[in-house]
């Protein structure tokens, strides 16, 4: 077994530890504003489509029922659609929402790994708490939805590519062989 064999006794991840710390207040605020606007637009579009399809299939005017609904219930339904149609799919599949893509941040676990589906769902559901947005008024920009789910939003910086380094090191040592 040569020196840089892929059958190493140690995992490469044991050599490199990414220092993870929360991103800045400004980026979190930008994420919130961008994501709130986009998720609200998407939720309203989905609700309208469901209302039109419902009306066509059931012959019932659901849109007027939504207009007559209690504003708290209306807000809760809209918020659930924001979570289901925006936050969960984007954070699970991409690790970031559109706001996070723009600010170059991402959601990770406390260990720096990509969160699993259950963690993303839990993180998203905590957003329903009415005053959750005020949880950012603490010393570090970590919201309740981060604390409860064991996640944080960090700057999206690439890790060192150890495979690339390994191939360069291997070719260097192979050139020295006679």
C-alpha atoms as a PDB file:
ATOM      1  CA  UNK A   1       0.000   0.000   0.000  1.00  0.00           C
ATOM      2  CA  UNK A   2       1.595   3.255  -1.075  1.00  0.00           C
ATOM      3  CA  UNK A   3       1.713   6.389   0.962  1.00  0.00           C
ATOM      4  CA  UNK A   4      -1.354   8.080  -0.568  1.00  0.00           C
ATOM      5  CA  UNK A   5      -3.549   5.053  -1.093  1.00  0.00           C
ATOM      6  CA  UNK A   6      -7.299   5.495  -0.976  1.00  0.00           C
ATOM      7  CA  UNK A   7      -7.303   2.756   1.659  1.00  0.00           C
ATOM      8  CA  UNK A   8      -6.112   5.119   4.342  1.00  0.00           C
ATOM      9  CA  UNK A   9      -6.526   4.139   7.961  1.00  0.00           C
ATOM     10  CA  UNK A  10      -7.887   7.564   8.830  1.00  0.00           C
ATOM     11  CA  UNK A  11     -10.803   9.381   7.318  1.00  0.00           C
ATOM     12  CA  UNK A  12      -9.794  12.621   5.565  1.00  0.00           C
ATOM     13  CA  UNK A  13     -12.456  14.488   7.510  1.00  0.00           C
ATOM     14  CA  UNK A  14     -10.489  13.798  10.687  1.00  0.00           C
ATOM     15  CA  UNK A  15      -7.689  16.036   9.416  1.00  0.00           C
ATOM     16  CA  UNK A  16      -9.750  19.057   8.448  1.00  0.00           C
ATOM     17  CA  UNK A  17     -12.181  20.717  10.807  1.00  0.00           C
ATOM     18  CA  UNK A  18     -14.153  23.649   9.554  1.00  0.00           C
ATOM     19  CA  UNK A  19     -14.580  26.330  12.164  1.00  0.00           C
ATOM     20  CA  UNK A  20     -18.291  26.970  12.155  1.00  0.00           C
ATOM     21  CA  UNK A  21     -19.748  30.106  13.568  1.00  0.00           C
ATOM     22  CA  UNK A  22     -22.985  31.912  12.816  1.00  0.00           C
ATOM     23  CA  UNK A  23     -23.073  34.363   9.956  1.00  0.00           C
ATOM     24  CA  UNK A  24     -23.577  38.090  10.532  1.00  0.00           C
ATOM     25  CA  UNK A  25     -26.713  39.944  11.640  1.00  0.00           C
ATOM     26  CA  UNK A  26     -26.868  41.735   8.296  1.00  0.00           C
ATOM     27  CA  UNK A  27     -26.923  38.507   6.311  1.00  0.00           C
ATOM     28  CA  UNK A  28     -29.559  36.995   8.598  1.00  0.00           C
ATOM     29  CA  UNK A  29     -31.724  40.097   8.180  1.00  0.00           C
ATOM     30  CA  UNK A  30     -31.272  40.006   4.397  1.00  0.00           C
ATOM     31  CA  UNK A  31     -32.168  36.285   4.403  1.00  0.00           C
ATOM     32  CA  UNK A  32     -35.295  36.992   6.432  1.00  0.00           C
ATOM     33  CA  UNK A  33     -36.525  39.832   4.208  1.00  0.00           C
ATOM     34  CA  UNK A  34     -35.812  38.059   0.904  1.00  0.00           C
ATOM     35  CA  UNK A  35     -37.218  34.725   2.072  1.00  0.00           C
ATOM     36  CA  UNK A  36     -40.299  36.274   3.672  1.00  0.00           C
ATOM     37  CA  UNK A  37     -41.233  38.111   0.479  1.00  0.00           C
ATOM     38  CA  UNK A  38     -40.530  35.177  -1.855  1.00  0.00           C
ATOM     39  CA  UNK A  39     -42.150  32.550   0.369  1.00  0.00           C
ATOM     40  CA  UNK A  40     -45.231  34.726   0.807  1.00  0.00           C
ATOM     41  CA  UNK A  41     -45.583  35.228  -2.952  1.00  0.00           C
ATOM     42  CA  UNK A  42     -45.174  31.491  -3.587  1.00  0.00           C
ATOM     43  CA  UNK A  43     -47.647  30.591  -0.817  1.00  0.00           C
ATOM     44  CA  UNK A  44     -50.269  33.008  -2.158  1.00  0.00           C
ATOM     45  CA  UNK A  45     -49.854  31.656  -5.704  1.00  0.00           C
ATOM     46  CA  UNK A  46     -50.231  28.054  -4.475  1.00  0.00           C
ATOM     47  CA  UNK A  47     -53.283  28.966  -2.379  1.00  0.00           C
ATOM     48  CA  UNK A  48     -54.904  30.712  -5.365  1.00  0.00           C
ATOM     49  CA  UNK A  49     -54.215  27.712  -7.618  1.00  0.00           C
ATOM     50  CA  UNK A  50     -55.689  25.360  -5.017  1.00  0.00           C
ATOM     51  CA  UNK A  51     -58.695  27.673  -4.655  1.00  0.00           C
ATOM     52  CA  UNK A  52     -59.314  27.769  -8.411  1.00  0.00           C
ATOM     53  CA  UNK A  53     -58.904  23.991  -8.797  1.00  0.00           C
ATOM     54  CA  UNK A  54     -61.067  23.378  -5.724  1.00  0.00           C
ATOM     55  CA  UNK A  55     -63.729  25.696  -7.107  1.00  0.00           C
ATOM     56  CA  UNK A  56     -63.675  23.952 -10.486  1.00  0.00           C
ATOM     57  CA  UNK A  57     -63.858  20.450  -9.026  1.00  0.00           C
ATOM     58  CA  UNK A  58     -66.159  20.985  -6.048  1.00  0.00           C
ATOM     59  CA  UNK A  59     -68.109  23.933  -7.433  1.00  0.00           C
ATOM     60  CA  UNK A  60     -67.522  25.865  -4.240  1.00  0.00           C
ATOM     61  CA  UNK A  61     -66.053  29.339  -3.918  1.00  0.00           C
ATOM     62  CA  UNK A  62     -63.220  28.723  -1.453  1.00  0.00           C
ATOM     63  CA  UNK A  63     -61.630  32.135  -2.120  1.00  0.00           C
ATOM     64  CA  UNK A  64     -64.606  33.958  -0.571  1.00  0.00           C
ATOM     65  CA  UNK A  65     -64.422  31.606   2.419  1.00  0.00           C
ATOM     66  CA  UNK A  66     -60.756  32.532   2.875  1.00  0.00           C
ATOM     67  CA  UNK A  67     -61.720  36.222   2.756  1.00  0.00           C
ATOM     68  CA  UNK A  68     -64.294  35.625   5.513  1.00  0.00           C
ATOM     69  CA  UNK A  69     -61.804  33.645   7.622  1.00  0.00           C
ATOM     70  CA  UNK A  70     -60.372  34.841  10.911  1.00  0.00           C
ATOM     71  CA  UNK A  71     -57.152  36.747  10.170  1.00  0.00           C
ATOM     72  CA  UNK A  72     -55.164  34.583  12.605  1.00  0.00           C
ATOM     73  CA  UNK A  73     -56.318  31.381  10.889  1.00  0.00           C
ATOM     74  CA  UNK A  74     -55.653  32.972   7.495  1.00  0.00           C
ATOM     75  CA  UNK A  75     -52.114  33.893   8.571  1.00  0.00           C
ATOM     76  CA  UNK A  76     -51.504  30.407   9.981  1.00  0.00           C
ATOM     77  CA  UNK A  77     -52.626  28.722   6.744  1.00  0.00           C
ATOM     78  CA  UNK A  78     -50.467  31.076   4.672  1.00  0.00           C
ATOM     79  CA  UNK A  79     -47.511  30.436   6.957  1.00  0.00           C
ATOM     80  CA  UNK A  80     -47.955  26.655   6.675  1.00  0.00           C
ATOM     81  CA  UNK A  81     -47.894  26.997   2.896  1.00  0.00           C
ATOM     82  CA  UNK A  82     -44.729  29.117   3.179  1.00  0.00           C
ATOM     83  CA  UNK A  83     -43.088  26.341   5.177  1.00  0.00           C
ATOM     84  CA  UNK A  84     -44.323  23.470   2.986  1.00  0.00           C
ATOM     85  CA  UNK A  85     -43.772  25.116  -0.403  1.00  0.00           C
ATOM     86  CA  UNK A  86     -40.624  27.143   0.255  1.00  0.00           C
ATOM     87  CA  UNK A  87     -38.535  26.529   3.370  1.00  0.00           C
ATOM     88  CA  UNK A  88     -38.646  22.724   3.641  1.00  0.00           C
ATOM     89  CA  UNK A  89     -37.956  21.860  -0.028  1.00  0.00           C
ATOM     90  CA  UNK A  90     -35.224  24.456  -0.505  1.00  0.00           C
ATOM     91  CA  UNK A  91     -33.414  23.888   2.788  1.00  0.00           C
ATOM     92  CA  UNK A  92     -33.593  20.101   2.460  1.00  0.00           C
ATOM     93  CA  UNK A  93     -32.580  19.726  -1.179  1.00  0.00           C
ATOM     94  CA  UNK A  94     -30.261  22.736  -1.576  1.00  0.00           C
ATOM     95  CA  UNK A  95     -29.260  23.385   2.050  1.00  0.00           C
ATOM     96  CA  UNK A  96     -30.317  26.978   1.555  1.00  0.00           C
ATOM     97  CA  UNK A  97     -33.224  29.170   0.564  1.00  0.00           C
ATOM     98  CA  UNK A  98     -33.082  31.767  -2.205  1.00  0.00           C
ATOM     99  CA  UNK A  99     -32.215  34.420   0.381  1.00  0.00           C
ATOM    100  CA  UNK A 100     -29.321  32.280   1.575  1.00  0.00           C
ATOM    101  CA  UNK A 101     -28.195  31.715  -2.023  1.00  0.00           C
ATOM    102  CA  UNK A 102     -28.046  35.478  -2.548  1.00  0.00           C
ATOM    103  CA  UNK A 103     -26.148  36.128   0.708  1.00  0.00           C
ATOM    104  CA  UNK A 104     -23.952  33.036   0.246  1.00  0.00           C
ATOM    105  CA  UNK A 105     -24.976  31.388   3.486  1.00  0.00           C
ATOM    106  CA  UNK A 106     -26.299  27.910   4.253  1.00  0.00           C
ATOM    107  CA  UNK A 107     -27.946  25.847   6.988  1.00  0.00           C
ATOM    108  CA  UNK A 108     -25.752  23.291   8.769  1.00  0.00           C
ATOM    109  CA  UNK A 109     -25.963  21.206  11.919  1.00  0.00           C
ATOM    110  CA  UNK A 110     -23.830  22.129  14.908  1.00  0.00           C
ATOM    111  CA  UNK A 111     -21.265  19.651  13.533  1.00  0.00           C
ATOM    112  CA  UNK A 112     -21.182  21.449  10.179  1.00  0.00           C
ATOM    113  CA  UNK A 113     -23.068  18.725   8.295  1.00  0.00           C
ATOM    114  CA  UNK A 114     -26.110  19.004   6.033  1.00  0.00           C
ATOM    115  CA  UNK A 115     -29.262  18.640   8.186  1.00  0.00           C
ATOM    116  CA  UNK A 116     -31.516  15.645   7.585  1.00  0.00           C
ATOM    117  CA  UNK A 117     -35.176  15.941   6.579  1.00  0.00           C
ATOM    118  CA  UNK A 118     -36.564  15.682  10.131  1.00  0.00           C
ATOM    119  CA  UNK A 119     -34.242  18.430  11.337  1.00  0.00           C
ATOM    120  CA  UNK A 120     -35.328  20.721   8.482  1.00  0.00           C
ATOM    121  CA  UNK A 121     -39.023  20.058   9.212  1.00  0.00           C
ATOM    122  CA  UNK A 122     -38.516  20.752  12.934  1.00  0.00           C
ATOM    123  CA  UNK A 123     -36.508  23.883  12.182  1.00  0.00           C
ATOM    124  CA  UNK A 124     -39.219  25.140   9.838  1.00  0.00           C
ATOM    125  CA  UNK A 125     -42.107  24.381  12.200  1.00  0.00           C
ATOM    126  CA  UNK A 126     -40.560  26.422  15.034  1.00  0.00           C
ATOM    127  CA  UNK A 127     -40.940  29.472  12.779  1.00  0.00           C
ATOM    128  CA  UNK A 128     -44.682  29.330  13.553  1.00  0.00           C
ATOM    129  CA  UNK A 129     -44.024  30.703  17.061  1.00  0.00           C
ATOM    130  CA  UNK A 130     -45.390  34.244  16.926  1.00  0.00           C
ATOM    131  CA  UNK A 131     -42.419  36.105  18.350  1.00  0.00           C
ATOM    132  CA  UNK A 132     -39.720  33.830  16.918  1.00  0.00           C
ATOM    133  CA  UNK A 133     -38.295  36.709  14.888  1.00  0.00           C
ATOM    134  CA  UNK A 134     -37.413  38.475  18.163  1.00  0.00           C
ATOM    135  CA  UNK A 135     -35.205  35.548  19.175  1.00  0.00           C
ATOM    136  CA  UNK A 136     -32.490  37.193  17.081  1.00  0.00           C
ATOM    137  CA  UNK A 137     -32.220  39.995  19.644  1.00  0.00           C
ATOM    138  CA  UNK A 138     -29.693  37.942  21.571  1.00  0.00           C
ATOM    139  CA  UNK A 139     -25.912  38.209  21.598  1.00  0.00           C
ATOM    140  CA  UNK A 140     -25.431  35.960  18.562  1.00  0.00           C
ATOM    141  CA  UNK A 141     -27.665  35.863  15.475  1.00  0.00           C
ATOM    142  CA  UNK A 142     -29.124  32.422  16.189  1.00  0.00           C
ATOM    143  CA  UNK A 143     -32.921  32.131  16.134  1.00  0.00           C
ATOM    144  CA  UNK A 144     -35.087  29.780  18.150  1.00  0.00           C
ATOM    145  CA  UNK A 145     -35.612  27.662  15.049  1.00  0.00           C
ATOM    146  CA  UNK A 146     -31.822  27.170  14.990  1.00  0.00           C
ATOM    147  CA  UNK A 147     -31.483  26.463  18.728  1.00  0.00           C
ATOM    148  CA  UNK A 148     -34.366  23.970  18.856  1.00  0.00           C
ATOM    149  CA  UNK A 149     -33.194  22.049  15.778  1.00  0.00           C
ATOM    150  CA  UNK A 150     -29.472  22.178  16.568  1.00  0.00           C
ATOM    151  CA  UNK A 151     -28.667  24.066  13.376  1.00  0.00           C
ATOM    152  CA  UNK A 152     -27.161  27.385  12.419  1.00  0.00           C
ATOM    153  CA  UNK A 153     -26.749  29.564   9.361  1.00  0.00           C
ATOM    154  CA  UNK A 154     -23.113  29.984   8.372  1.00  0.00           C
ATOM    155  CA  UNK A 155     -21.240  31.598   5.520  1.00  0.00           C
ATOM    156  CA  UNK A 156     -21.064  29.203   2.581  1.00  0.00           C
ATOM    157  CA  UNK A 157     -17.324  28.893   2.137  1.00  0.00           C
ATOM    158  CA  UNK A 158     -15.912  25.860   0.340  1.00  0.00           C
ATOM    159  CA  UNK A 159     -13.833  23.399   2.291  1.00  0.00           C
ATOM    160  CA  UNK A 160     -10.411  22.462   1.063  1.00  0.00           C
ATOM    161  CA  UNK A 161     -10.686  19.847  -1.646  1.00  0.00           C
ATOM    162  CA  UNK A 162      -8.613  17.067  -0.123  1.00  0.00           C
ATOM    163  CA  UNK A 163      -9.078  14.780  -3.122  1.00  0.00           C
ATOM    164  CA  UNK A 164      -7.476  17.382  -5.373  1.00  0.00           C
ATOM    165  CA  UNK A 165      -4.645  17.883  -2.889  1.00  0.00           C
ATOM    166  CA  UNK A 166      -4.131  14.128  -2.618  1.00  0.00           C
ATOM    167  CA  UNK A 167      -3.885  13.638  -6.390  1.00  0.00           C
ATOM    168  CA  UNK A 168      -1.346  16.482  -6.690  1.00  0.00           C
ATOM    169  CA  UNK A 169       0.708  15.077  -3.816  1.00  0.00           C
ATOM    170  CA  UNK A 170       0.583  11.580  -5.308  1.00  0.00           C
ATOM    171  CA  UNK A 171       1.778  12.796  -8.715  1.00  0.00           C
ATOM    172  CA  UNK A 172       4.588  14.768  -7.033  1.00  0.00           C
ATOM    173  CA  UNK A 173       5.849  11.694  -5.184  1.00  0.00           C
ATOM    174  CA  UNK A 174       5.490   9.476  -8.257  1.00  0.00           C
ATOM    175  CA  UNK A 175       7.769  11.843 -10.208  1.00  0.00           C
ATOM    176  CA  UNK A 176      10.479  11.338  -7.575  1.00  0.00           C
ATOM    177  CA  UNK A 177      10.453   7.554  -8.085  1.00  0.00           C
ATOM    178  CA  UNK A 178      13.189   6.345 -10.441  1.00  0.00           C
END
